[in-house]
N, C-alpha and C. Protein backbone atom coordinates (compact mmCIF):
# COMPACT_ATOMS: atom_id res chain seq x y z
N MET A 1 -1.27 5.75 -3.55
CA MET A 1 -0.72 6.05 -2.24
C MET A 1 -0.12 7.45 -2.27
N ASN A 2 -0.49 8.29 -1.34
CA ASN A 2 0.08 9.64 -1.35
C ASN A 2 1.38 9.66 -0.56
N SER A 3 2.11 10.74 -0.69
CA SER A 3 3.45 10.80 -0.10
C SER A 3 3.46 10.73 1.42
N SER A 4 2.37 11.08 2.08
CA SER A 4 2.35 11.04 3.54
C SER A 4 2.18 9.62 4.07
N THR A 5 1.65 8.70 3.25
CA THR A 5 1.46 7.33 3.70
C THR A 5 2.37 6.33 2.98
N ALA A 6 3.13 6.78 2.02
CA ALA A 6 4.01 5.88 1.26
C ALA A 6 5.16 5.41 2.13
N THR A 7 5.48 4.12 2.00
CA THR A 7 6.63 3.57 2.70
C THR A 7 7.86 3.68 1.81
N LEU A 8 9.02 3.57 2.40
CA LEU A 8 10.26 3.66 1.64
C LEU A 8 10.51 2.42 0.79
N THR A 9 9.97 1.30 1.23
CA THR A 9 10.15 0.05 0.50
C THR A 9 8.82 -0.61 0.24
N MET A 10 8.86 -1.61 -0.64
CA MET A 10 7.66 -2.39 -0.93
C MET A 10 8.03 -3.86 -1.02
N SER A 11 7.03 -4.70 -0.92
CA SER A 11 7.26 -6.13 -1.04
C SER A 11 7.47 -6.49 -2.52
N VAL A 12 7.94 -7.70 -2.75
CA VAL A 12 8.12 -8.17 -4.12
C VAL A 12 6.76 -8.22 -4.82
N GLU A 13 5.75 -8.62 -4.10
CA GLU A 13 4.41 -8.69 -4.67
C GLU A 13 3.91 -7.30 -5.09
N GLU A 14 4.17 -6.29 -4.25
CA GLU A 14 3.77 -4.92 -4.59
C GLU A 14 4.56 -4.42 -5.80
N ALA A 15 5.84 -4.75 -5.85
CA ALA A 15 6.66 -4.32 -6.99
C ALA A 15 6.16 -4.97 -8.28
N ALA A 16 5.79 -6.24 -8.20
CA ALA A 16 5.25 -6.93 -9.38
C ALA A 16 4.00 -6.20 -9.88
N LYS A 17 3.15 -5.82 -8.96
CA LYS A 17 1.93 -5.11 -9.34
C LYS A 17 2.27 -3.75 -9.97
N GLU A 18 3.21 -3.02 -9.37
CA GLU A 18 3.64 -1.71 -9.91
C GLU A 18 4.20 -1.86 -11.32
N LEU A 19 4.96 -2.93 -11.56
CA LEU A 19 5.59 -3.14 -12.86
C LEU A 19 4.66 -3.81 -13.87
N GLY A 20 3.54 -4.36 -13.38
CA GLY A 20 2.62 -5.05 -14.27
C GLY A 20 3.14 -6.40 -14.73
N ILE A 21 3.87 -7.08 -13.85
CA ILE A 21 4.43 -8.39 -14.17
C ILE A 21 3.98 -9.40 -13.12
N CYS A 22 4.20 -10.68 -13.40
CA CYS A 22 3.83 -11.69 -12.42
C CYS A 22 4.86 -11.73 -11.28
N VAL A 23 4.45 -12.26 -10.15
CA VAL A 23 5.30 -12.31 -8.97
C VAL A 23 6.55 -13.15 -9.23
N LYS A 24 6.44 -14.23 -9.99
CA LYS A 24 7.60 -15.09 -10.29
C LYS A 24 8.69 -14.29 -10.98
N ILE A 25 8.32 -13.50 -11.96
CA ILE A 25 9.31 -12.69 -12.67
C ILE A 25 9.90 -11.64 -11.75
N ALA A 26 9.08 -11.07 -10.88
CA ALA A 26 9.59 -10.08 -9.92
C ALA A 26 10.63 -10.73 -9.00
N TYR A 27 10.36 -11.95 -8.53
CA TYR A 27 11.34 -12.65 -7.70
C TYR A 27 12.62 -12.93 -8.50
N ASP A 28 12.48 -13.27 -9.77
CA ASP A 28 13.66 -13.48 -10.62
C ASP A 28 14.49 -12.19 -10.70
N LEU A 29 13.82 -11.05 -10.82
CA LEU A 29 14.53 -9.77 -10.89
C LEU A 29 15.32 -9.48 -9.62
N THR A 30 14.84 -9.96 -8.47
CA THR A 30 15.54 -9.68 -7.21
C THR A 30 16.93 -10.30 -7.17
N HIS A 31 17.21 -11.23 -8.06
CA HIS A 31 18.53 -11.86 -8.10
C HIS A 31 19.51 -11.12 -9.01
N ARG A 32 19.04 -10.10 -9.70
CA ARG A 32 19.92 -9.29 -10.56
C ARG A 32 20.70 -8.30 -9.71
N GLN A 33 21.95 -8.11 -10.06
CA GLN A 33 22.82 -7.17 -9.33
C GLN A 33 22.31 -5.74 -9.39
N ASP A 34 21.69 -5.35 -10.52
CA ASP A 34 21.28 -3.96 -10.70
C ASP A 34 19.87 -3.67 -10.20
N PHE A 35 19.19 -4.67 -9.66
CA PHE A 35 17.82 -4.46 -9.17
C PHE A 35 17.87 -4.00 -7.72
N PRO A 36 17.08 -2.98 -7.35
CA PRO A 36 17.22 -2.32 -6.04
C PRO A 36 16.58 -3.06 -4.85
N THR A 37 17.15 -4.19 -4.50
CA THR A 37 16.61 -4.95 -3.37
C THR A 37 17.34 -4.61 -2.08
N ILE A 38 16.62 -4.80 -1.00
CA ILE A 38 17.16 -4.59 0.35
C ILE A 38 16.75 -5.80 1.17
N LYS A 39 17.70 -6.43 1.81
CA LYS A 39 17.38 -7.55 2.70
C LYS A 39 17.20 -7.01 4.11
N ILE A 40 16.06 -7.31 4.70
CA ILE A 40 15.79 -6.94 6.09
C ILE A 40 15.42 -8.25 6.78
N GLY A 41 16.38 -8.78 7.53
CA GLY A 41 16.19 -10.11 8.08
C GLY A 41 16.10 -11.11 6.93
N ARG A 42 15.05 -11.90 6.92
CA ARG A 42 14.86 -12.85 5.82
C ARG A 42 13.99 -12.28 4.71
N ARG A 43 13.48 -11.10 4.91
CA ARG A 43 12.60 -10.48 3.91
C ARG A 43 13.38 -9.74 2.84
N THR A 44 12.88 -9.82 1.64
CA THR A 44 13.43 -9.04 0.54
C THR A 44 12.47 -7.91 0.27
N ARG A 45 12.96 -6.69 0.38
CA ARG A 45 12.16 -5.49 0.12
C ARG A 45 12.76 -4.77 -1.08
N ILE A 46 11.97 -3.94 -1.71
CA ILE A 46 12.43 -3.20 -2.88
C ILE A 46 12.22 -1.71 -2.62
N SER A 47 13.28 -0.96 -2.83
CA SER A 47 13.24 0.49 -2.64
C SER A 47 12.32 1.11 -3.69
N ARG A 48 11.36 1.92 -3.23
CA ARG A 48 10.46 2.59 -4.18
C ARG A 48 11.24 3.52 -5.10
N GLU A 49 12.10 4.35 -4.53
CA GLU A 49 12.88 5.28 -5.35
C GLU A 49 13.86 4.51 -6.23
N GLY A 50 14.46 3.47 -5.67
CA GLY A 50 15.38 2.64 -6.45
C GLY A 50 14.69 1.98 -7.63
N LEU A 51 13.45 1.55 -7.43
CA LEU A 51 12.70 0.92 -8.53
C LEU A 51 12.41 1.94 -9.63
N ARG A 52 12.04 3.15 -9.24
CA ARG A 52 11.82 4.20 -10.25
C ARG A 52 13.09 4.45 -11.06
N GLU A 53 14.20 4.55 -10.36
CA GLU A 53 15.48 4.79 -11.05
C GLU A 53 15.85 3.61 -11.93
N TRP A 54 15.63 2.39 -11.47
CA TRP A 54 15.94 1.19 -12.25
C TRP A 54 15.13 1.19 -13.55
N VAL A 55 13.84 1.55 -13.45
CA VAL A 55 12.99 1.61 -14.65
C VAL A 55 13.54 2.66 -15.61
N ARG A 56 13.93 3.82 -15.09
CA ARG A 56 14.52 4.87 -15.94
C ARG A 56 15.76 4.37 -16.65
N GLN A 57 16.62 3.65 -15.93
CA GLN A 57 17.84 3.11 -16.52
C GLN A 57 17.53 2.09 -17.60
N GLN A 58 16.51 1.27 -17.37
CA GLN A 58 16.12 0.28 -18.38
C GLN A 58 15.62 0.98 -19.65
N GLU A 59 14.84 2.04 -19.46
CA GLU A 59 14.36 2.80 -20.62
C GLU A 59 15.52 3.43 -21.37
N GLN A 60 16.46 4.01 -20.63
CA GLN A 60 17.61 4.67 -21.25
C GLN A 60 18.48 3.67 -22.01
N SER A 61 18.75 2.52 -21.43
CA SER A 61 19.59 1.55 -22.11
C SER A 61 18.89 0.98 -23.34
N ARG A 62 17.56 0.89 -23.28
CA ARG A 62 16.80 0.44 -24.44
C ARG A 62 16.88 1.47 -25.57
N LYS A 63 16.79 2.76 -25.21
CA LYS A 63 16.91 3.82 -26.21
C LYS A 63 18.29 3.80 -26.86
N GLU A 64 19.32 3.59 -26.05
CA GLU A 64 20.69 3.59 -26.57
C GLU A 64 20.95 2.42 -27.50
N THR A 65 20.32 1.28 -27.25
CA THR A 65 20.55 0.12 -28.10
C THR A 65 19.75 0.18 -29.40
N THR A 66 18.71 1.02 -29.44
CA THR A 66 17.91 1.13 -30.67
C THR A 66 18.39 2.26 -31.57
N ILE A 67 19.35 3.03 -31.12
CA ILE A 67 19.84 4.16 -31.94
C ILE A 67 20.79 3.66 -32.98
């Protein structure tokens, strides 16, 4: 998806695909305090930029724990 057609948020299913995980695990992640979810009505959406930042934070905390 190029920047002119990218949306600000994605569905849980799209996030699962981006992360390479199953949808069940993606839904489990939406219940974590540090996961970038947005509630719009009854829908749970995930911020694209927030997801990128969350992944960076996970990488950083993993590096810090292995040092």
